[in-house]
Protein backbone atom coordinates (compact mmCIF):
# COMPACT_ATOMS: atom_id res chain seq x y z
CA MET A 1 -17.49 45.15 29.37
CA LEU A 2 -16.87 42.14 27.17
CA TYR A 3 -17.42 42.89 23.48
CA ARG A 4 -19.44 40.30 21.64
CA PRO A 5 -20.58 41.02 18.02
CA THR A 6 -24.29 40.53 17.61
CA TRP A 7 -23.92 38.79 14.31
CA LEU A 8 -21.92 36.03 15.85
CA LEU A 9 -24.62 35.36 18.45
CA VAL A 10 -27.26 35.23 15.71
CA LEU A 11 -25.16 33.03 13.49
CA ALA A 12 -24.48 30.57 16.38
CA ALA A 13 -28.21 30.20 17.15
CA PRO A 14 -29.31 26.60 16.41
CA ARG A 15 -32.40 27.59 14.37
CA SER A 16 -31.20 30.87 12.88
CA ARG A 17 -32.29 31.55 9.31
CA SER A 18 -29.02 33.25 8.65
CA ARG A 19 -27.19 30.06 9.77
CA GLN A 20 -29.31 27.88 7.41
CA PHE A 21 -28.83 30.29 4.53
CA LEU A 22 -25.11 30.31 5.01
CA VAL A 23 -24.85 26.47 5.18
CA ARG A 24 -26.80 26.25 1.93
CA LEU A 25 -24.62 28.85 0.34
CA VAL A 26 -21.42 26.93 1.40
CA LEU A 27 -22.87 23.72 -0.18
CA LEU A 28 -23.73 25.42 -3.40
CA ILE A 29 -20.38 27.28 -3.85
CA SER A 30 -18.38 24.11 -2.86
CA ALA A 31 -20.34 21.97 -5.33
CA ILE A 32 -19.89 24.38 -8.18
CA GLY A 33 -16.20 25.00 -7.45
CA SER A 34 -15.43 21.19 -7.11
CA PHE A 35 -17.25 20.48 -10.39
CA LEU A 36 -15.39 23.22 -12.24
CA LEU A 37 -11.99 22.37 -10.78
CA TRP A 38 -12.03 18.64 -10.36
CA THR A 39 -14.78 17.02 -12.37
CA LEU A 40 -15.05 19.00 -15.60
CA PRO A 41 -11.40 18.52 -16.69
CA VAL A 42 -11.65 14.66 -16.53
CA TRP A 43 -15.31 14.28 -17.63
CA SER A 44 -14.58 13.26 -21.17
CA LEU A 45 -11.58 11.11 -20.19
CA PHE A 46 -13.67 9.10 -17.72
CA TRP A 47 -16.36 8.22 -20.26
CA GLN A 48 -13.82 7.34 -22.81
CA GLN A 49 -12.02 4.85 -20.57
CA VAL A 50 -14.79 3.51 -18.22
CA ALA A 51 -15.47 0.58 -20.52
CA SER A 52 -11.80 -0.38 -20.28
CA PHE A 53 -11.62 -0.21 -16.48
CA PRO A 54 -11.93 -4.04 -15.88
CA VAL A 55 -8.93 -4.60 -18.17
CA LEU A 56 -6.90 -1.70 -16.91
CA TRP A 57 -7.49 -2.68 -13.31
CA GLN A 58 -5.59 -5.95 -13.81
CA GLU A 59 -2.41 -3.83 -14.07
CA PRO A 60 -1.34 -2.78 -10.53
CA ALA A 61 0.15 0.49 -11.84
CA ASN A 62 -3.33 1.53 -13.20
CA ARG A 63 -5.35 1.08 -10.03
CA TRP A 64 -4.39 4.21 -8.18
CA PRO A 65 -5.12 6.47 -11.31
CA ILE A 66 -8.54 4.83 -11.71
CA ILE A 67 -9.35 5.50 -8.06
CA LEU A 68 -8.41 9.10 -8.37
CA LEU A 69 -10.38 9.46 -11.64
CA CYS A 70 -13.52 8.16 -9.93
CA LEU A 71 -12.99 10.33 -6.86
CA ARG A 72 -12.69 13.45 -9.06
CA LEU A 73 -15.90 12.44 -10.79
CA VAL A 74 -17.90 12.38 -7.50
CA ALA A 75 -16.09 15.36 -6.03
CA PRO A 76 -19.23 17.61 -6.32
CA LEU A 77 -20.92 15.28 -3.91
CA LEU A 78 -18.15 14.51 -1.51
CA ILE A 79 -16.58 17.89 -1.04
CA PRO A 80 -19.88 19.75 -0.18
CA MET A 81 -20.69 17.02 2.39
CA LEU A 82 -17.32 17.37 4.04
CA LEU A 83 -17.47 21.17 4.07
CA SER A 84 -20.98 21.29 5.48
CA GLU A 85 -20.06 18.99 8.23
CA ALA A 86 -16.97 21.06 9.04
CA PHE A 87 -19.00 24.28 8.90
CA GLU A 88 -21.64 22.82 11.22
CA SER A 89 -18.88 21.72 13.67
CA LEU A 90 -17.37 25.22 13.54
CA LEU A 91 -20.69 26.93 14.32
CA LEU A 92 -21.30 24.54 17.24
CA LEU A 93 -17.85 25.28 18.66
CA LEU A 94 -18.49 28.97 18.16
CA ARG A 95 -21.85 28.87 19.96
CA GLY A 96 -20.34 26.97 22.88
CA THR A 97 -17.37 29.49 23.17
CA LEU A 98 -19.69 32.52 23.14
CA SER A 99 -22.08 30.97 25.70
CA SER A 100 -19.32 30.06 28.15
CA SER A 101 -17.73 33.51 27.74
CA ALA A 102 -20.95 35.28 28.60
CA VAL A 103 -21.53 33.09 31.69
CA ASP A 104 -18.04 33.71 32.98
CA HIS A 105 -18.26 37.47 32.42
CA GLN A 106 -21.54 37.86 34.27
CA GLY A 107 -20.63 35.60 37.28
CA GLY A 108 -17.07 36.92 37.71
CA THR A 109 -18.06 40.58 37.75
CA GLN A 110 -20.83 40.07 40.32
CA GLY A 111 -18.43 38.13 42.56
CA ARG A 112 -15.81 40.75 42.60
CA VAL A 113 -18.13 43.59 43.35
CA ASP A 114 -19.69 41.63 46.28
CA ALA A 115 -16.30 40.71 47.69
CA VAL A 116 -14.81 44.25 47.46
CA GLY A 117 -17.99 45.70 48.92
CA ARG A 118 -17.81 43.44 52.04
CA ILE A 119 -14.12 44.15 52.56
CA HIS A 120 -14.77 47.91 52.25
CA MET A 121 -17.46 47.83 54.89
CA ARG A 122 -15.22 45.77 57.15
CA GLY A 123 -12.50 48.31 56.72
CA LEU A 124 -14.75 51.17 57.84
CA HIS A 125 -15.78 49.20 60.96
CA SER A 126 -12.16 48.60 61.78
CA ASN A 127 -11.31 52.28 61.58
CA ARG A 128 -14.06 53.01 64.13
CA SER A 129 -12.91 50.40 66.56
CA GLY A 130 -9.26 51.53 66.39
CA SER A 131 -7.68 49.02 64.13
CA SER A 132 -4.01 49.06 63.04
CA PRO A 133 -3.00 51.51 60.21
CA GLU A 134 -2.28 48.51 57.84
CA THR A 135 -5.82 47.21 58.23
CA THR A 136 -7.31 50.59 57.89
CA GLU A 137 -5.39 51.19 54.62
CA LEU A 138 -6.50 47.77 53.39
CA GLY A 139 -10.11 48.57 54.10
CA ALA A 140 -9.92 52.06 52.62
CA GLY A 141 -9.47 50.65 49.11
CA ARG A 142 -5.85 49.42 48.78
CA SER A 143 -5.24 47.27 45.70
CA LEU A 144 -5.88 43.62 46.36
CA SER A 145 -4.93 40.57 44.49
CA PRO A 146 -7.67 38.14 43.55
CA MET A 147 -6.37 35.64 45.93
CA THR A 148 -6.62 38.02 48.85
CA VAL A 149 -10.15 39.27 47.78
CA ALA A 150 -11.51 35.79 47.56
CA SER A 151 -10.06 34.79 50.82
CA ALA A 152 -11.62 37.76 52.59
CA HIS A 153 -14.95 37.08 51.01
CA GLU A 154 -15.21 33.30 51.69
CA PHE A 155 -13.37 33.13 54.93
CA PRO A 156 -13.71 36.54 56.77
CA GLU A 157 -12.65 34.97 60.09
CA SER A 158 -9.32 33.87 58.63
CA VAL A 159 -8.02 37.27 57.81
CA PRO A 160 -5.58 38.23 60.64
CA ARG A 161 -5.05 41.64 61.91
CA SER A 162 -1.70 42.82 60.82
CA SER A 163 0.90 44.25 63.14
CA PRO A 164 3.74 46.49 62.17
CA GLN A 165 6.12 43.58 62.57
CA ASP A 166 4.01 41.19 60.50
CA SER A 167 2.85 43.57 57.72
CA VAL A 168 3.23 42.13 54.26
CA PRO A 169 5.44 44.26 51.91
CA GLU A 170 3.56 46.01 49.12
CA ALA A 171 5.57 44.19 46.58
CA SER A 172 4.14 40.83 47.63
CA PHE A 173 0.74 41.60 46.12
CA SER A 174 0.25 40.44 42.57
CA PHE A 175 -2.43 40.57 39.99
CA SER A 176 -3.51 37.19 38.52
CA ALA A 177 -5.76 36.59 35.57
CA HIS A 178 -6.73 33.07 36.82
CA PRO A 179 -9.70 32.39 39.01
CA ALA A 180 -9.14 33.00 42.74
CA VAL A 181 -8.57 29.94 44.86
CA ALA A 182 -8.77 30.23 48.69
CA PRO A 183 -5.73 28.79 50.43
CA ALA A 184 -6.61 25.99 52.74
CA SER A 185 -5.41 26.22 56.32
CA PRO A 186 -2.60 23.81 57.19
CA PRO A 187 -3.82 20.69 58.98
CA HIS A 188 -2.88 19.83 62.44
CA PRO A 189 0.41 17.97 62.74
CA GLN A 190 -1.39 14.94 64.20
CA GLU A 191 -3.99 14.98 61.49
CA GLN A 192 -1.68 15.13 58.45
CA VAL A 193 -2.04 11.97 56.25
CA MET A 194 0.81 10.97 53.92
CA GLU A 195 -0.32 10.01 50.45
CA PRO A 196 1.23 6.72 49.18
CA ARG A 197 3.74 7.18 46.50
CA PRO A 198 4.05 4.84 43.60
CA LEU A 199 7.04 2.52 43.87
CA ALA A 200 9.48 1.98 40.95
CA HIS A 201 8.69 -1.75 40.77
CA GLU A 202 4.98 -1.00 40.41
CA GLY A 203 5.50 0.27 36.87
CA SER A 204 6.56 3.93 37.24
CA PHE A 205 9.59 4.88 35.23
CA SER A 206 11.29 8.22 34.99
CA PRO A 207 10.59 10.35 31.89
CA ALA A 208 14.29 10.34 31.10
CA LEU A 209 14.48 6.57 31.07
CA ILE A 210 11.43 6.37 28.82
CA ASN A 211 12.82 8.81 26.40
CA THR A 212 16.14 6.96 26.26
CA PHE A 213 14.31 3.72 25.51
CA GLN A 214 12.23 5.31 22.76
CA ARG A 215 15.30 6.82 21.14
CA SER A 216 17.14 3.49 21.24
CA VAL A 217 14.19 1.68 19.68
CA HIS A 218 13.82 4.39 16.94
CA GLN A 219 17.55 4.38 16.10
CA GLN A 220 18.31 0.66 16.32
CA GLY A 221 15.05 -0.79 14.75
CA PRO A 222 15.38 0.78 11.31
CA THR A 223 19.07 0.02 11.26
CA ASP A 224 18.45 -3.72 11.87
CA ALA A 225 15.69 -3.71 9.17
CA LYS A 226 17.93 -1.95 6.67
CA ARG A 227 20.65 -4.52 7.25
CA LYS A 228 18.22 -7.39 6.53
CA ALA A 229 16.46 -5.75 3.65
CA ARG A 230 17.10 -7.15 0.13
CA LEU A 231 15.91 -6.21 -3.39
CA HIS A 232 14.05 -9.02 -5.21
CA LEU A 233 13.57 -9.02 -9.02
CA ARG A 234 11.45 -11.31 -11.13
CA VAL A 235 11.87 -11.27 -14.92
CA PHE A 236 9.72 -14.31 -16.07
CA GLY A 237 6.13 -13.41 -16.79
CA GLU A 238 5.61 -9.93 -15.21
CA ILE A 239 8.73 -8.00 -14.30
CA VAL A 240 8.46 -7.09 -10.60
CA LEU A 241 10.81 -5.34 -8.29
CA THR A 242 10.15 -5.75 -4.49
CA LEU A 243 11.82 -4.74 -1.24
CA ARG A 244 12.01 -7.75 0.97
CA ILE A 245 12.18 -6.73 4.73
CA GLY A 246 12.27 -8.57 7.96
CA GLY A 247 9.66 -11.27 8.49
CA GLY A 248 9.45 -12.18 4.80
CA GLU A 249 7.21 -9.23 3.79
CA GLU A 250 7.70 -7.90 0.30
CA ILE A 251 7.06 -4.22 -0.47
CA PRO A 252 6.54 -3.45 -4.22
CA VAL A 253 8.84 -0.84 -5.71
CA SER A 254 7.14 1.12 -8.47
CA LEU A 255 8.75 0.96 -11.88
CA GLY A 256 6.33 3.37 -13.44
CA ASN A 257 4.88 2.98 -17.04
CA TYR A 258 8.30 3.40 -18.69
CA PRO A 259 9.13 0.24 -20.71
CA LYS A 260 12.76 1.02 -21.04
CA ARG A 261 13.18 1.20 -17.26
CA GLN A 262 11.82 -2.34 -17.09
CA GLU A 263 14.02 -3.50 -19.93
CA LEU A 264 17.08 -2.08 -18.21
CA LEU A 265 16.53 -4.18 -15.15
CA ALA A 266 15.84 -7.28 -17.18
CA TYR A 267 18.96 -6.68 -19.29
CA LEU A 268 21.23 -6.50 -16.25
CA ALA A 269 19.35 -9.47 -14.66
CA TRP A 270 20.20 -11.60 -17.64
CA HIS A 271 23.82 -10.52 -17.96
CA ARG A 272 24.71 -11.13 -14.38
CA GLN A 273 28.48 -10.88 -15.29
CA GLY A 274 28.02 -7.37 -16.34
CA MET A 275 28.09 -5.55 -19.64
CA PRO A 276 30.10 -2.59 -21.07
CA ARG A 277 28.26 0.68 -20.85
CA ASP A 278 28.35 1.33 -24.62
CA GLN A 279 26.90 -2.09 -25.48
CA LEU A 280 24.19 -1.62 -22.81
CA LEU A 281 23.24 1.73 -24.28
CA GLU A 282 23.08 0.37 -27.78
CA GLU A 283 21.06 -2.82 -27.08
CA VAL A 284 18.56 -1.34 -24.61
CA PHE A 285 18.09 2.28 -25.46
CA GLY A 286 19.32 2.43 -29.04
CA HIS A 287 17.28 -0.50 -30.53
CA GLY A 288 14.56 0.88 -32.67
CA GLN A 289 15.73 4.44 -32.56
CA PRO A 290 16.73 6.48 -35.60
CA ASP A 291 20.25 7.75 -35.96
CA GLU A 292 19.48 11.30 -34.84
CA GLU A 293 17.87 9.95 -31.64
CA ALA A 294 20.43 7.28 -30.95
CA THR A 295 23.42 9.52 -30.29
CA ALA A 296 25.83 8.62 -27.46
CA GLN A 297 24.85 11.76 -25.48
CA ARG A 298 21.02 11.11 -25.71
CA LEU A 299 21.35 7.41 -24.87
CA SER A 300 23.54 8.22 -21.89
CA GLU A 301 21.04 10.76 -20.62
CA ARG A 302 18.23 8.19 -20.77
CA PHE A 303 20.33 5.57 -18.98
CA ASP A 304 21.33 8.07 -16.17
CA SER A 305 17.75 9.25 -15.81
CA HIS A 306 16.22 5.82 -15.44
CA ARG A 307 19.03 4.75 -13.09
CA LYS A 308 18.43 7.73 -10.80
CA ILE A 309 14.67 7.25 -10.81
CA LEU A 310 15.05 3.58 -9.84
CA ARG A 311 17.25 4.53 -6.89
CA ARG A 312 14.78 7.16 -5.78
CA ARG A 313 11.95 4.64 -5.99
CA VAL A 314 13.87 2.25 -3.75
CA ARG A 315 14.68 5.09 -1.35
CA GLU A 316 10.95 6.13 -1.20
CA ALA A 317 9.91 2.59 -0.35
CA LEU A 318 12.41 2.58 2.54
CA ILE A 319 11.13 5.91 3.76
CA ALA A 320 7.55 4.73 3.53
CA GLN A 321 8.42 1.72 5.75
CA GLY A 322 10.23 3.96 8.35
CA MET A 323 13.60 2.43 7.70
CA LEU A 324 15.10 5.62 6.26
CA THR A 325 14.74 9.35 6.95
CA GLU A 326 14.39 12.10 4.39
CA GLN A 327 17.96 13.25 5.16
CA GLU A 328 19.65 9.79 4.88
CA ALA A 329 21.07 8.47 1.57
CA LEU A 330 20.25 5.18 0.02
CA PRO A 331 22.39 2.41 1.55
CA ALA A 332 24.92 0.94 -0.77
CA ALA A 333 23.55 -2.59 -0.09
CA LEU A 334 20.22 -1.62 -1.48
CA ASP A 335 21.48 0.18 -4.62
CA PRO A 336 20.25 -1.82 -7.54
CA PHE A 337 23.19 -0.99 -9.74
CA ALA A 338 26.96 -1.38 -9.47
CA SER A 339 29.76 -0.53 -11.91
CA GLU A 340 33.43 -1.15 -12.11
CA GLY A 341 35.80 -0.27 -14.85
CA GLY A 342 33.04 0.72 -17.17
CA ILE A 343 31.19 -2.63 -16.60
CA TRP A 344 27.63 -2.30 -15.33
CA ARG A 345 25.70 -5.06 -13.52
CA LEU A 346 23.12 -5.56 -10.90
CA ALA A 347 24.42 -5.05 -7.39
CA SER A 348 24.87 -8.04 -5.11
CA GLY A 349 21.96 -6.92 -2.89
CA CYS A 350 19.53 -7.36 -5.77
CA GLN A 351 18.59 -10.97 -6.27
CA VAL A 352 16.87 -12.22 -9.35
CA ILE A 353 14.94 -14.94 -7.52
CA ASP A 354 13.05 -16.66 -10.37
CA LEU A 355 16.07 -16.78 -12.77
CA ASP A 356 18.29 -18.12 -9.88
CA VAL A 357 15.91 -21.04 -9.12
CA ILE A 358 15.40 -21.87 -12.79
CA GLN A 359 19.14 -21.98 -13.50
CA GLU A 360 19.86 -24.01 -10.42
CA SER A 361 17.09 -26.58 -11.19
CA TYR A 362 18.17 -26.88 -14.82
CA ALA A 363 21.75 -27.49 -13.71
CA VAL A 364 20.63 -30.62 -11.88
CA LEU A 365 18.88 -31.91 -14.97
CA THR A 366 21.92 -31.12 -17.16
CA GLN A 367 24.23 -32.94 -14.74
CA ALA A 368 22.09 -36.05 -14.75
CA ARG A 369 21.99 -36.13 -18.53
CA LYS A 370 25.73 -35.76 -18.84
CA GLU A 371 26.20 -38.59 -16.40
CA GLY A 372 23.92 -40.86 -18.30
CA ARG A 373 21.36 -41.36 -15.48
CA LEU A 374 18.31 -40.62 -17.59
CA VAL A 375 18.60 -43.73 -19.80
CA GLN A 376 16.60 -46.21 -17.76
CA GLU A 377 14.88 -43.97 -15.19
CA VAL A 378 14.38 -40.43 -14.06
CA PRO A 379 15.94 -40.06 -10.68
CA ARG A 380 13.82 -38.51 -7.91
CA GLU A 381 16.13 -35.50 -7.48
CA VAL A 382 15.79 -34.78 -11.21
CA ALA A 383 11.95 -34.91 -11.05
CA LYS A 384 11.97 -32.69 -8.05
CA ALA A 385 14.31 -30.16 -9.86
CA CYS A 386 11.89 -30.15 -12.74
CA GLU A 387 8.96 -29.44 -10.46
CA GLU A 388 10.89 -26.51 -8.82
CA LEU A 389 11.71 -25.15 -12.24
CA LEU A 390 8.18 -25.26 -13.39
CA ALA A 391 6.98 -23.60 -10.17
CA ALA A 392 9.41 -20.68 -10.65
CA TYR A 393 8.54 -20.27 -14.30
CA ARG A 394 5.57 -17.93 -14.14
CA GLY A 395 5.68 -17.08 -17.84
CA ASP A 396 8.23 -16.59 -20.65
CA PHE A 397 11.09 -14.20 -20.20
CA LEU A 398 9.50 -10.64 -20.17
CA ALA A 399 6.29 -12.11 -21.55
CA SER A 400 4.07 -9.23 -20.26
CA TYR A 401 6.54 -6.68 -21.64
CA ILE A 402 6.57 -8.26 -25.01
CA GLN A 403 2.73 -8.53 -25.12
CA ARG A 404 2.35 -4.86 -23.98
CA TYR A 405 4.96 -3.28 -26.15
CA PRO A 406 5.38 -5.46 -29.29
CA GLU A 407 6.68 -2.57 -31.34
CA LEU A 408 9.83 -2.34 -29.13
CA VAL A 409 10.94 -5.87 -29.79
CA GLN A 410 10.55 -5.91 -33.49
CA PRO A 411 13.59 -6.43 -35.66
CA TRP A 412 15.36 -3.12 -36.53
CA GLU A 413 17.69 -2.77 -39.45
CA GLY A 414 18.14 -6.52 -39.79
CA ARG A 415 18.87 -7.05 -36.10
CA SER A 416 16.69 -8.75 -33.52
CA SER A 417 16.05 -7.37 -30.09
CA TRP A 418 18.39 -8.78 -27.47
CA ILE A 419 15.29 -10.04 -25.61
CA ARG A 420 14.77 -12.91 -28.14
CA LYS A 421 17.70 -14.92 -27.13
CA PRO A 422 16.90 -15.09 -23.40
CA PHE A 423 13.21 -15.61 -24.34
CA THR A 424 14.19 -18.72 -26.47
CA GLN A 425 16.68 -19.92 -23.85
CA GLY A 426 14.06 -19.67 -21.00
CA ARG A 427 11.63 -21.66 -23.19
CA ASP A 428 14.22 -24.37 -23.68
CA TRP A 429 14.57 -24.83 -19.93
CA TYR A 430 10.82 -24.80 -19.35
CA LEU A 431 10.00 -27.22 -22.13
CA GLU A 432 12.77 -29.71 -21.28
CA ALA A 433 11.72 -29.77 -17.64
CA LEU A 434 8.13 -30.35 -18.72
CA TRP A 435 9.17 -33.26 -20.98
CA TRP A 436 11.17 -35.04 -18.36
CA LEU A 437 8.57 -34.65 -15.74
CA GLY A 438 6.10 -36.23 -18.01
CA GLU A 439 8.70 -38.98 -18.70
CA ALA A 440 9.07 -39.64 -14.98
CA GLU A 441 5.36 -39.95 -14.52
CA TRP A 442 4.92 -42.25 -17.45
CA ARG A 443 7.73 -44.58 -16.28
CA GLU A 444 6.25 -44.56 -12.82
CA GLY A 445 2.92 -45.77 -14.28
CA MET A 446 4.63 -48.48 -16.32
CA SER A 447 6.42 -49.77 -13.17
CA PHE A 448 3.08 -51.08 -11.83
CA GLY A 449 3.03 -53.79 -14.39
CA ASN A 450 0.61 -54.90 -17.09
CA PRO A 451 -1.99 -55.56 -15.76
CA PRO A 452 -1.38 -54.16 -12.28
CA PRO A 453 -1.64 -56.73 -9.55
CA SER A 454 -4.35 -54.98 -7.45
CA LYS A 455 -7.03 -52.30 -7.71
CA LEU A 456 -4.85 -50.01 -5.65
CA ALA A 457 -1.93 -50.44 -8.13
CA LEU A 458 -4.35 -49.91 -11.09
CA ARG A 459 -5.61 -46.58 -9.58
CA GLN A 460 -2.06 -45.41 -8.93
CA GLN A 461 -1.07 -46.41 -12.50
CA GLN A 462 -3.92 -44.41 -13.92
CA GLN A 463 -3.10 -41.35 -11.86
CA SER A 464 0.57 -41.46 -13.06
CA PHE A 465 -0.69 -41.91 -16.73
CA ALA A 466 -3.05 -38.87 -16.27
CA ARG A 467 -0.23 -36.67 -14.88
CA ALA A 468 2.12 -37.72 -17.69
CA ALA A 469 -0.57 -37.02 -20.33
CA GLN A 470 -1.15 -33.50 -18.92
CA CYS A 471 2.67 -32.77 -19.05
CA TYR A 472 2.88 -33.80 -22.70
CA ALA A 473 -0.29 -31.84 -23.57
CA ASP A 474 1.17 -28.72 -21.91
CA TYR A 475 4.33 -29.23 -23.89
CA ALA A 476 2.56 -29.62 -27.18
CA LEU A 477 0.62 -26.40 -26.73
CA ALA A 478 3.42 -24.23 -25.23
CA ALA A 479 6.12 -25.34 -27.74
CA CYS A 480 4.58 -23.41 -30.70
CA ALA A 481 2.69 -20.65 -28.83
CA THR A 482 4.69 -17.72 -30.20
CA ARG A 483 6.72 -16.95 -33.38
CA PHE A 484 9.06 -14.76 -31.20
CA ASP A 485 10.77 -18.04 -30.16
CA SER A 486 13.61 -18.31 -32.69
CA LYS A 487 13.13 -22.18 -32.78
CA VAL A 488 9.52 -21.97 -34.08
CA SER A 489 9.66 -22.14 -37.84
CA PHE A 490 7.51 -23.60 -40.56
CA GLY A 491 9.68 -24.17 -43.59
CA SER A 492 8.04 -24.15 -47.02
CA GLY A 493 9.09 -27.47 -48.50
CA SER A 494 11.64 -28.23 -45.94
CA GLU A 495 11.81 -29.67 -42.44
CA PRO A 496 9.99 -27.58 -39.77
CA GLY A 497 11.82 -26.21 -36.83
CA GLU A 498 12.64 -28.04 -33.57
CA ARG A 499 9.64 -26.77 -31.70
CA VAL A 500 7.20 -28.00 -34.26
CA LEU A 501 8.68 -31.55 -34.36
CA MET A 502 8.76 -31.87 -30.63
CA SER A 503 5.27 -30.47 -30.11
CA GLU A 504 3.82 -33.14 -32.45
CA ARG A 505 5.68 -35.84 -30.62
CA ALA A 506 4.40 -34.60 -27.24
CA LEU A 507 0.80 -34.42 -28.79
CA ARG A 508 1.01 -38.10 -29.85
CA ARG A 509 2.05 -39.18 -26.27
CA ALA A 510 -0.74 -37.24 -24.67
CA VAL A 511 -3.26 -38.65 -27.01
CA LEU A 512 -2.18 -42.25 -26.50
CA LEU A 513 -2.07 -41.92 -22.74
CA TRP A 514 -5.54 -40.27 -22.52
CA GLY A 515 -6.79 -42.87 -24.94
CA SER A 516 -5.50 -45.66 -22.50
CA LEU A 517 -7.63 -44.05 -19.74
CA SER A 518 -10.66 -43.89 -22.05
CA GLN A 519 -10.54 -40.07 -21.93
CA THR A 520 -11.67 -39.51 -25.40
CA GLY A 521 -13.19 -36.11 -24.49
CA GLN A 522 -9.73 -34.88 -23.44
CA VAL A 523 -8.34 -36.22 -26.72
CA ASP A 524 -10.81 -34.34 -28.85
CA GLN A 525 -10.42 -31.10 -26.94
CA LEU A 526 -6.57 -31.19 -27.06
CA TRP A 527 -6.71 -31.96 -30.79
CA ARG A 528 -9.08 -29.11 -31.58
CA THR A 529 -7.00 -26.60 -29.61
CA TYR A 530 -3.72 -27.84 -31.06
CA TRP A 531 -5.04 -27.81 -34.66
CA SER A 532 -6.41 -24.23 -34.36
CA GLN A 533 -3.21 -22.94 -32.82
CA MET A 534 -0.76 -24.57 -35.29
CA ARG A 535 -2.90 -23.38 -38.27
CA LYS A 536 -3.04 -19.84 -37.03
CA ILE A 537 0.61 -19.48 -36.11
CA SER A 538 1.89 -21.07 -39.27
CA ASP A 539 -0.37 -19.03 -41.56
CA ARG A 540 -2.14 -22.16 -42.57
CA ARG A 541 1.13 -23.87 -43.71
CA TRP A 542 1.26 -26.51 -41.06
CA GLU A 543 -0.06 -29.96 -41.80
CA PRO A 544 0.00 -32.82 -39.31
CA LYS A 545 2.18 -35.88 -39.91
CA GLN A 546 0.50 -39.20 -40.88
CA GLU A 547 1.74 -40.92 -37.71
CA THR A 548 0.08 -38.10 -35.68
CA LEU A 549 -3.29 -38.72 -37.38
CA ALA A 550 -2.86 -42.53 -36.99
CA ASP A 551 -2.27 -42.25 -33.24
CA LEU A 552 -5.23 -39.84 -32.98
CA GLU A 553 -7.54 -42.36 -34.56
CA THR A 554 -6.22 -45.24 -32.44
CA ALA A 555 -6.82 -43.24 -29.26
CA ARG A 556 -10.30 -42.32 -30.29
CA ALA A 557 -11.23 -45.99 -31.03
CA GLN A 558 -9.32 -47.60 -28.15
CA THR A 559 -11.17 -48.43 -24.94
CA ASN A 560 -8.77 -51.00 -23.35
CA ALA A 561 -6.35 -49.11 -21.10
CA TYR A 562 -3.83 -51.82 -20.72
CA ARG A 563 -3.60 -52.81 -24.38
CA LEU A 564 -3.10 -49.13 -25.45
CA ALA A 565 -0.55 -48.44 -22.79
CA LEU A 566 1.63 -51.08 -24.22
CA GLN A 567 1.95 -49.09 -27.37
CA LEU A 568 4.24 -46.76 -25.43
CA SER A 569 6.89 -49.46 -25.39
CA GLN A 570 10.19 -48.95 -23.64
CA GLN A 571 12.04 -49.05 -27.04
CA GLU A 572 9.84 -46.08 -28.41
CA ALA A 573 10.25 -44.13 -25.23
CA PHE A 574 14.05 -44.13 -25.18
CA SER A 575 14.49 -43.78 -29.00
CA LEU A 576 12.66 -40.38 -29.01
CA LEU A 577 15.49 -38.18 -27.80
CA PRO A 578 18.30 -39.87 -29.95
CA SER A 579 16.13 -39.51 -33.09
CA PHE A 580 15.89 -35.84 -32.46
CA SER A 581 18.77 -34.20 -30.61
CA LEU A 582 16.85 -32.26 -27.99
CA ALA A 583 19.68 -32.36 -25.56
CA GLU A 584 22.12 -31.04 -28.23
CA GLY A 585 19.68 -28.28 -29.08
CA PHE A 586 19.67 -27.16 -25.44
CA GLN A 587 23.37 -27.42 -25.20
CA GLY A 588 23.87 -25.18 -28.17
CA GLU A 589 22.25 -22.29 -26.38
């Protein structure tokens, strides 16, 4: 007899009170447990930071913690729902299993009793009629396999009478736990029909061939992807490390919320030729640290720790993309670091893509200036190089790092952070490209004549003047945007720094060009923004030059575009740079 606990049958009933009570109990316990384990520990943290979520969300590294925090807050609602659904599914499965077991038990027992009974009666009849000893023994109650019993029950005419020569050995009988299936009688030779077999060319492949193909794809695919993968690093604006795989897709590599890890990558990116280990440790990990914290051993431990973590992050990104297994080591081509003779640098497989483009574009501008090709015109290749430089310049060198961790870049014991020099150098490149692009647009506008010969020429001239004015306005506002730039200075009673002089000069050009286009609204807006910025960054020490105020009043009063455009004479345009050695200032860096 099959044993079935009564409480299981009651619990599996669809409208059982016990079942409803148990479901509610599971909901209550899971809600209380999830609240105590998940929600209560982060309750105060959530309400302290919820107002800052919009700002924190802008940082990619903060998005996953914010999502987890919100999930933990609503855990008392989500977890009971999931557990109740799982419990209901379990009860339904249990009910179906018990029902099918009861049906199988009842039907199978009756069938065996009926079959054995019929065979037993047939055996008694055979003994009376003089059957063979083997048949009599079978009918008297010899053990039968389920196959034999079912055959005798369903097909009584097909059971042959055994003879001594054809008797089946006792060892041939077996006991099977599977349902009995009656063997079908073999068809007549003329009635046998051959089933069509699928041909190889119809799409059937042997399992061995399929497995071989899958193994080859699994082994060769990641290998090709690893061979093409490269590390890309950006250091202007937000520092970002990505893994570029086949097809141009870039997978971000997490740098964590550790500023020194980001600074280490930027340091090696700027010093592409490599730096001695001692100097690297001092400038990156020793700046701003007291003597007891800046020992050689502690600085080395920090460097080694960040280096290992960065390698592990790259390896995890490869594993996540299926290009590396857990047992494989990081390929040498994707190792961010390389060292030789105590000199540390970025490996050749790690490309600093924004710095490379900026330096290549600036080299074109420098070469044209050395060759004297910027005196009468700005060649098209130079203007294109300036555009490429501006497109790659997404912000100042480590701008987000400086804004986020200002205490780490402050002077320490009379020494500035190493970041200040590349920060100023990068702004030199950016501002000079911006100046010469505005120069190219202004000269293109002047080439249409005064006045232009047609309406089309007039429209093109106005567009060139508007683009030039925008370049000069961007220069004026960007030149003195931060005091971290070593060339931004407001001397008390002395000549101000280079950035201050050039920003005012760019402001005057933008004002005159917008005045020539009767854009007095742009003039007023630029002047208000510029005035507020310069007074704030100079601690109210800056005062505009008289020529700046005169050009501002002229632009406000002027309405004739052609007459005002003539004020930007060819002589004034080409005497700007010699009067202030901008090229020499860039060369000095």
